[in-house]
Protein backbone atom coordinates (compact mmCIF):
# COMPACT_ATOMS: atom_id res chain seq x y z
CA MET A 1 -17.27 -84.59 -14.83
CA LYS A 2 -15.86 -85.77 -11.69
CA ASN A 3 -12.64 -83.96 -12.52
CA LYS A 4 -14.29 -80.65 -12.85
CA SER A 5 -16.19 -80.87 -9.58
CA ASP A 6 -12.99 -81.88 -7.83
CA PHE A 7 -11.15 -79.07 -9.37
CA PHE A 8 -13.96 -76.67 -8.37
CA LYS A 9 -13.88 -78.00 -4.78
CA VAL A 10 -10.10 -77.62 -4.48
CA GLY A 11 -10.19 -74.12 -5.97
CA SER A 12 -12.96 -73.08 -3.63
CA LEU A 13 -11.07 -74.41 -0.59
CA VAL A 14 -7.86 -72.64 -1.68
CA LEU A 15 -9.75 -69.35 -1.98
CA ILE A 16 -11.32 -69.87 1.44
CA ILE A 17 -7.83 -70.51 2.94
CA ILE A 18 -6.37 -67.44 1.34
CA PHE A 19 -9.34 -65.39 2.56
CA LEU A 20 -8.97 -66.71 6.10
CA ILE A 21 -5.17 -66.01 6.11
CA ILE A 22 -5.74 -62.42 4.94
CA PHE A 23 -8.65 -61.97 7.46
CA ASN A 24 -6.47 -63.35 10.27
CA VAL A 25 -3.54 -61.02 9.44
CA PHE A 26 -5.90 -58.03 9.50
CA TRP A 27 -7.46 -59.31 12.73
CA LEU A 28 -4.06 -59.75 14.40
CA ASP A 29 -3.10 -56.27 13.17
CA TYR A 30 -6.31 -54.87 14.69
CA LEU A 31 -5.59 -56.56 17.96
CA GLY A 32 -2.11 -55.15 17.94
CA LEU A 33 -0.33 -58.52 18.01
CA VAL A 34 1.11 -58.10 14.50
CA LYS A 35 2.05 -54.84 12.75
CA MET A 36 1.18 -55.13 9.13
CA ALA A 37 3.10 -52.02 8.27
CA ASP A 38 6.35 -54.00 9.01
CA TYR A 39 5.42 -56.51 6.36
CA ILE A 40 3.59 -54.56 3.68
CA SER A 41 5.16 -51.33 2.33
CA PHE A 42 2.00 -49.26 1.56
CA SER A 43 3.05 -46.78 4.18
CA SER A 44 6.14 -45.51 2.26
CA ARG A 45 4.03 -44.17 -0.52
CA LYS A 46 1.72 -42.60 2.07
CA GLU A 47 4.75 -41.04 3.76
CA ASN A 48 5.93 -39.63 0.43
CA PHE A 49 2.49 -38.05 -0.18
CA THR A 50 2.49 -36.78 3.35
CA ALA A 51 5.95 -35.30 2.88
CA ILE A 52 4.91 -33.53 -0.37
CA ALA A 53 1.76 -32.27 1.32
CA GLN A 54 3.73 -31.01 4.31
CA ASP A 55 6.18 -29.26 1.97
CA GLU A 56 3.30 -27.53 0.07
CA ILE A 57 1.75 -26.53 3.35
CA GLY A 58 5.02 -25.08 4.53
CA LYS A 59 5.42 -23.07 1.29
CA LYS A 60 1.89 -21.72 1.65
CA ARG A 61 2.54 -20.92 5.33
CA ILE A 62 5.61 -18.93 4.38
CA LYS A 63 3.61 -17.08 1.70
CA LEU A 64 0.90 -16.26 4.24
CA GLU A 65 3.43 -15.09 6.80
CA ASP A 66 5.06 -12.88 4.20
CA GLY A 67 1.63 -11.49 3.27
CA LEU A 68 0.88 -10.79 6.97
CA ASP A 69 4.24 -9.06 7.37
CA ASP A 70 3.45 -6.88 4.32
CA LEU A 71 0.01 -6.11 5.75
CA ALA A 72 1.50 -5.19 9.14
CA ARG A 73 3.99 -2.76 7.41
CA ARG A 74 1.15 -1.24 5.43
CA GLU A 75 -0.95 -0.91 8.55
CA ALA A 76 1.90 0.83 10.33
CA VAL A 77 2.33 3.29 7.42
CA LEU A 78 -1.39 3.89 7.38
CA ARG A 79 -1.41 4.60 11.13
CA ILE A 80 1.46 7.03 10.74
CA GLN A 81 -0.34 8.80 7.86
CA GLU A 82 -3.54 8.85 9.86
CA LYS A 83 -1.74 10.52 12.77
CA LYS A 84 -0.26 13.11 10.46
CA ILE A 85 -3.64 13.78 8.92
CA ASN A 86 -5.32 14.06 12.37
CA SER A 87 -2.52 16.45 13.48
CA LEU A 88 -2.95 18.61 10.36
CA GLU A 89 -6.68 18.63 10.78
CA ARG A 90 -6.44 19.74 14.44
CA GLU A 91 -3.93 22.43 13.40
CA ARG A 92 -6.27 23.59 10.69
CA ASN A 93 -9.23 23.62 13.11
CA ASN A 94 -7.15 25.59 15.64
CA GLN A 95 -6.15 28.06 12.95
CA GLN A 96 -9.73 28.34 11.77
CA ASN A 97 -10.88 28.98 15.42
CA LYS A 98 -8.24 31.69 15.81
CA ILE A 99 -9.29 33.42 12.58
CA ASN A 100 -12.92 33.20 13.64
CA ARG A 101 -12.14 34.83 17.02
CA LEU A 102 -10.01 37.45 15.23
CA ALA A 103 -12.92 38.20 12.81
CA LYS A 104 -15.35 38.63 15.66
CA ARG A 105 -12.92 41.05 17.39
CA ILE A 106 -12.38 42.99 14.13
CA LEU A 107 -16.16 43.24 13.74
CA ALA A 108 -16.39 44.78 17.21
CA LEU A 109 -13.79 47.47 16.31
CA PRO A 110 -14.51 50.62 14.39
CA PRO A 111 -13.44 50.01 10.73
CA GLU A 112 -10.73 52.66 10.78
CA LYS A 113 -9.08 51.06 13.83
CA ALA A 114 -9.43 47.56 12.19
CA VAL A 115 -7.72 48.72 9.02
CA GLN A 116 -4.81 50.18 11.07
CA LEU A 117 -4.34 46.74 12.70
CA MET A 118 -4.59 44.96 9.38
CA ALA A 119 -2.01 47.18 7.74
CA ASP A 120 0.76 45.38 9.59
CA TRP A 121 -0.52 41.82 8.93
CA ASP A 122 0.74 39.57 6.16
CA ASN A 123 -1.48 39.10 3.08
CA GLN A 124 -2.48 35.49 3.86
CA LEU A 125 -3.88 36.49 7.31
CA VAL A 126 -5.80 39.36 5.79
CA MET A 127 -7.18 37.05 3.13
CA ASP A 128 -8.27 34.49 5.67
CA LEU A 129 -9.84 37.26 7.73
CA ILE A 130 -11.83 38.60 4.75
CA ARG A 131 -13.04 35.09 3.93
CA GLU A 132 -14.16 34.61 7.53
CA LEU A 133 -15.84 38.03 7.64
CA ASP A 134 -17.75 37.09 4.49
CA ARG A 135 -18.82 33.74 6.00
CA ILE A 136 -20.00 35.36 9.20
CA ALA A 137 -22.01 37.93 7.22
CA GLN A 138 -23.56 35.20 5.12
CA GLU A 139 -24.58 33.21 8.21
CA GLU A 140 -26.16 36.23 9.82
CA GLU A 141 -27.69 37.28 6.51
CA GLN A 142 -26.14 40.70 6.57
CA LYS A 143 -23.89 42.68 4.26
CA SER A 144 -20.14 41.89 4.56
CA LEU A 145 -17.79 44.47 6.10
CA SER A 146 -14.84 43.15 4.03
CA PRO A 147 -15.38 45.44 0.93
CA TYR A 148 -15.45 48.48 3.17
CA LEU A 149 -12.33 47.38 5.04
CA LEU A 150 -10.53 46.77 1.74
CA SER A 151 -11.49 50.28 0.52
CA LEU A 152 -9.86 51.75 3.63
CA LEU A 153 -6.63 49.84 3.02
CA PRO A 154 -3.90 51.47 0.81
CA GLN A 155 -4.85 50.99 -2.80
CA ASP A 156 -1.80 48.88 -3.84
CA ARG A 157 -2.20 46.62 -0.80
CA ALA A 158 -5.95 46.17 -1.40
CA SER A 159 -5.42 45.33 -5.08
CA LYS A 160 -2.75 42.78 -4.24
CA ILE A 161 -5.05 41.15 -1.62
CA LEU A 162 -7.97 41.08 -4.10
CA LEU A 163 -5.72 39.56 -6.79
CA LEU A 164 -4.58 36.89 -4.37
CA LEU A 165 -8.17 36.20 -3.30
CA THR A 166 -9.34 35.70 -6.85
CA LYS A 167 -6.36 33.40 -7.64
CA SER A 168 -6.92 31.25 -4.57
CA ASN A 169 -10.61 30.66 -5.35
């Protein structure tokens, strides 16, 4: 039995010495007197993982930058289209205002004089004028003057305008 207790004592002392050596190495590393990284190569695996992670981050960054470039291009295209739409809308509003003013002037004229003026206009302008006259009459809850004006136009011209009006609606 004496042998077992001696063996246990020796084993315990060896473990304590190993523990103290490891503790002292970490303590000296903590104090900055010894750099454990120079003696133990755990850091190379860490550097490999870091390099792989950096590579993946770089790839994702490139993907994001490409996506941002694509978004910037799309945004530029949308801005150009928005400007075109705004320009067309302004042009349409200006045209509508002109037709509205023209319709009000035509309403102020005697119908025969208005038909004399309309005889020289192109069909699209006459159609727009008739639509505007109808809209104004509807707003004011009155009968429209447009059927009477069409009856005063030459028959072939009036039929052509009516046909175009029905096709466009």
